[in-house]
Amino acid sequence: MGFLDDAKDKLSDAVDSQGDKISDGLDKAADFASDKTGGKYDDKIDTGVDKAKDALDGLDGKDDDIK
């Protein structure tokens, strides 16, 4: 198993066990970015957060870890 495979497995395990906290962190980061930009880029921020959540949730092949 290569380095990247090992890293993916560890990240997948972290997402499985801490999905709620990761989701909350992404939402908080989005709120912070929105505040700093005055809401000017909310649509782009929301799109980025949704894509990040989908990518992290799909690591293990199941869409069940991040809401």
N, C-alpha and C. Protein backbone atom coordinates (compact mmCIF):
# COMPACT_ATOMS: atom_id res chain seq x y z
N MET A 1 0.86 -1.17 0.00
CA MET A 1 0.00 0.00 0.00
C MET A 1 0.90 1.23 0.00
N GLY A 2 0.63 2.14 -0.87
CA GLY A 2 1.43 3.34 -0.99
C GLY A 2 1.03 4.41 0.02
N PHE A 3 1.83 5.44 0.03
CA PHE A 3 1.61 6.55 0.96
C PHE A 3 0.24 7.19 0.76
N LEU A 4 -0.14 7.43 -0.48
CA LEU A 4 -1.43 8.09 -0.74
C LEU A 4 -2.61 7.20 -0.38
N ASP A 5 -2.46 5.90 -0.61
CA ASP A 5 -3.53 4.98 -0.21
C ASP A 5 -3.70 4.97 1.31
N ASP A 6 -2.59 4.99 2.02
CA ASP A 6 -2.62 5.02 3.48
C ASP A 6 -3.26 6.32 3.99
N ALA A 7 -2.89 7.43 3.36
CA ALA A 7 -3.46 8.73 3.75
C ALA A 7 -4.96 8.77 3.49
N LYS A 8 -5.39 8.21 2.35
CA LYS A 8 -6.82 8.19 2.03
C LYS A 8 -7.58 7.34 3.05
N ASP A 9 -7.01 6.20 3.42
CA ASP A 9 -7.67 5.35 4.41
C ASP A 9 -7.81 6.05 5.75
N LYS A 10 -6.76 6.74 6.17
CA LYS A 10 -6.81 7.46 7.45
C LYS A 10 -7.83 8.60 7.40
N LEU A 11 -7.86 9.32 6.28
CA LEU A 11 -8.83 10.40 6.13
C LEU A 11 -10.25 9.86 6.11
N SER A 12 -10.44 8.75 5.43
CA SER A 12 -11.76 8.13 5.38
C SER A 12 -12.22 7.70 6.77
N ASP A 13 -11.31 7.13 7.56
CA ASP A 13 -11.65 6.74 8.93
C ASP A 13 -12.01 7.95 9.77
N ALA A 14 -11.27 9.05 9.58
CA ALA A 14 -11.55 10.28 10.34
C ALA A 14 -12.92 10.84 9.97
N VAL A 15 -13.24 10.81 8.69
CA VAL A 15 -14.55 11.31 8.24
C VAL A 15 -15.66 10.43 8.79
N ASP A 16 -15.44 9.11 8.82
CA ASP A 16 -16.45 8.20 9.36
C ASP A 16 -16.74 8.49 10.83
N SER A 17 -15.68 8.74 11.59
CA SER A 17 -15.87 8.90 13.03
C SER A 17 -16.18 10.34 13.45
N GLN A 18 -15.77 11.31 12.65
CA GLN A 18 -15.92 12.71 13.04
C GLN A 18 -16.67 13.55 12.00
N GLY A 19 -17.53 12.92 11.22
CA GLY A 19 -18.23 13.61 10.14
C GLY A 19 -19.02 14.84 10.58
N ASP A 20 -19.67 14.75 11.74
CA ASP A 20 -20.46 15.88 12.24
C ASP A 20 -19.57 17.08 12.56
N LYS A 21 -18.44 16.82 13.18
CA LYS A 21 -17.53 17.90 13.55
C LYS A 21 -16.89 18.52 12.31
N ILE A 22 -16.57 17.70 11.33
CA ILE A 22 -16.00 18.22 10.09
C ILE A 22 -17.02 19.10 9.37
N SER A 23 -18.27 18.65 9.33
CA SER A 23 -19.33 19.43 8.70
C SER A 23 -19.52 20.76 9.40
N ASP A 24 -19.53 20.74 10.73
CA ASP A 24 -19.67 21.98 11.49
C ASP A 24 -18.50 22.93 11.22
N GLY A 25 -17.30 22.37 11.12
CA GLY A 25 -16.12 23.19 10.85
C GLY A 25 -16.18 23.84 9.47
N LEU A 26 -16.64 23.10 8.48
CA LEU A 26 -16.79 23.66 7.14
C LEU A 26 -17.84 24.78 7.13
N ASP A 27 -18.93 24.56 7.86
CA ASP A 27 -19.98 25.59 7.94
C ASP A 27 -19.47 26.85 8.64
N LYS A 28 -18.69 26.67 9.70
CA LYS A 28 -18.13 27.82 10.41
C LYS A 28 -17.14 28.58 9.53
N ALA A 29 -16.34 27.84 8.78
CA ALA A 29 -15.39 28.49 7.87
C ALA A 29 -16.13 29.28 6.79
N ALA A 30 -17.23 28.72 6.30
CA ALA A 30 -18.04 29.41 5.29
C ALA A 30 -18.65 30.68 5.86
N ASP A 31 -19.15 30.61 7.09
CA ASP A 31 -19.72 31.79 7.74
C ASP A 31 -18.66 32.87 7.94
N PHE A 32 -17.46 32.46 8.34
CA PHE A 32 -16.37 33.40 8.54
C PHE A 32 -16.00 34.08 7.22
N ALA A 33 -15.88 33.29 6.15
CA ALA A 33 -15.54 33.85 4.84
C ALA A 33 -16.64 34.79 4.36
N SER A 34 -17.87 34.43 4.61
CA SER A 34 -18.99 35.28 4.21
C SER A 34 -18.96 36.61 4.96
N ASP A 35 -18.68 36.55 6.26
CA ASP A 35 -18.59 37.78 7.05
C ASP A 35 -17.47 38.68 6.55
N LYS A 36 -16.33 38.08 6.24
CA LYS A 36 -15.17 38.86 5.80
C LYS A 36 -15.37 39.48 4.43
N THR A 37 -16.19 38.86 3.58
CA THR A 37 -16.43 39.40 2.25
C THR A 37 -17.73 40.19 2.16
N GLY A 38 -18.41 40.33 3.28
CA GLY A 38 -19.65 41.09 3.29
C GLY A 38 -20.78 40.40 2.54
N GLY A 39 -20.71 39.10 2.40
CA GLY A 39 -21.76 38.36 1.72
C GLY A 39 -21.68 38.43 0.21
N LYS A 40 -20.66 39.08 -0.30
CA LYS A 40 -20.53 39.30 -1.74
C LYS A 40 -20.36 37.99 -2.52
N TYR A 41 -19.72 37.00 -1.91
CA TYR A 41 -19.42 35.75 -2.60
C TYR A 41 -20.11 34.54 -1.98
N ASP A 42 -21.26 34.76 -1.37
CA ASP A 42 -21.96 33.68 -0.68
C ASP A 42 -22.26 32.49 -1.59
N ASP A 43 -22.66 32.75 -2.83
CA ASP A 43 -22.99 31.65 -3.73
C ASP A 43 -21.77 30.80 -4.03
N LYS A 44 -20.62 31.42 -4.22
CA LYS A 44 -19.40 30.68 -4.49
C LYS A 44 -18.90 29.94 -3.25
N ILE A 45 -19.03 30.56 -2.10
CA ILE A 45 -18.64 29.92 -0.84
C ILE A 45 -19.50 28.70 -0.58
N ASP A 46 -20.80 28.85 -0.75
CA ASP A 46 -21.72 27.72 -0.53
C ASP A 46 -21.44 26.57 -1.49
N THR A 47 -21.15 26.90 -2.74
CA THR A 47 -20.83 25.88 -3.73
C THR A 47 -19.56 25.13 -3.33
N GLY A 48 -18.56 25.87 -2.89
CA GLY A 48 -17.30 25.25 -2.47
C GLY A 48 -17.48 24.34 -1.26
N VAL A 49 -18.26 24.79 -0.29
CA VAL A 49 -18.51 23.98 0.90
C VAL A 49 -19.28 22.71 0.53
N ASP A 50 -20.27 22.84 -0.33
CA ASP A 50 -21.03 21.66 -0.76
C ASP A 50 -20.14 20.65 -1.48
N LYS A 51 -19.25 21.14 -2.34
CA LYS A 51 -18.35 20.24 -3.06
C LYS A 51 -17.37 19.57 -2.10
N ALA A 52 -16.87 20.32 -1.12
CA ALA A 52 -15.95 19.74 -0.14
C ALA A 52 -16.65 18.66 0.68
N LYS A 53 -17.87 18.93 1.10
CA LYS A 53 -18.62 17.94 1.87
C LYS A 53 -18.89 16.68 1.04
N ASP A 54 -19.28 16.87 -0.22
CA ASP A 54 -19.54 15.72 -1.09
C ASP A 54 -18.28 14.90 -1.31
N ALA A 55 -17.16 15.56 -1.52
CA ALA A 55 -15.90 14.85 -1.75
C ALA A 55 -15.48 14.07 -0.51
N LEU A 56 -15.56 14.68 0.64
CA LEU A 56 -15.18 14.00 1.87
C LEU A 56 -16.14 12.85 2.18
N ASP A 57 -17.41 13.07 1.94
CA ASP A 57 -18.40 12.05 2.23
C ASP A 57 -18.26 10.84 1.31
N GLY A 58 -17.81 11.06 0.09
CA GLY A 58 -17.70 9.98 -0.88
C GLY A 58 -16.40 9.20 -0.80
N LEU A 59 -15.53 9.50 0.15
CA LEU A 59 -14.24 8.81 0.24
C LEU A 59 -14.40 7.31 0.43
N ASP A 60 -15.38 6.91 1.21
CA ASP A 60 -15.54 5.48 1.48
C ASP A 60 -16.56 4.83 0.55
N GLY A 61 -17.04 5.57 -0.42
CA GLY A 61 -18.01 5.02 -1.36
C GLY A 61 -19.44 5.07 -0.89
N LYS A 62 -19.65 5.58 0.32
CA LYS A 62 -21.01 5.71 0.87
C LYS A 62 -21.25 7.19 1.20
N ASP A 63 -22.42 7.65 0.88
CA ASP A 63 -22.77 9.04 1.20
C ASP A 63 -23.58 9.06 2.49
N ASP A 64 -22.89 8.85 3.61
CA ASP A 64 -23.61 8.75 4.87
C ASP A 64 -22.92 9.42 6.05
N ASP A 65 -21.78 10.05 5.82
CA ASP A 65 -20.99 10.55 6.93
C ASP A 65 -21.20 12.04 7.23
N ILE A 66 -21.37 12.83 6.21
CA ILE A 66 -21.48 14.28 6.39
C ILE A 66 -22.84 14.73 5.89
N LYS A 67 -23.51 15.51 6.70
CA LYS A 67 -24.84 16.01 6.35
C LYS A 67 -24.73 17.42 5.83
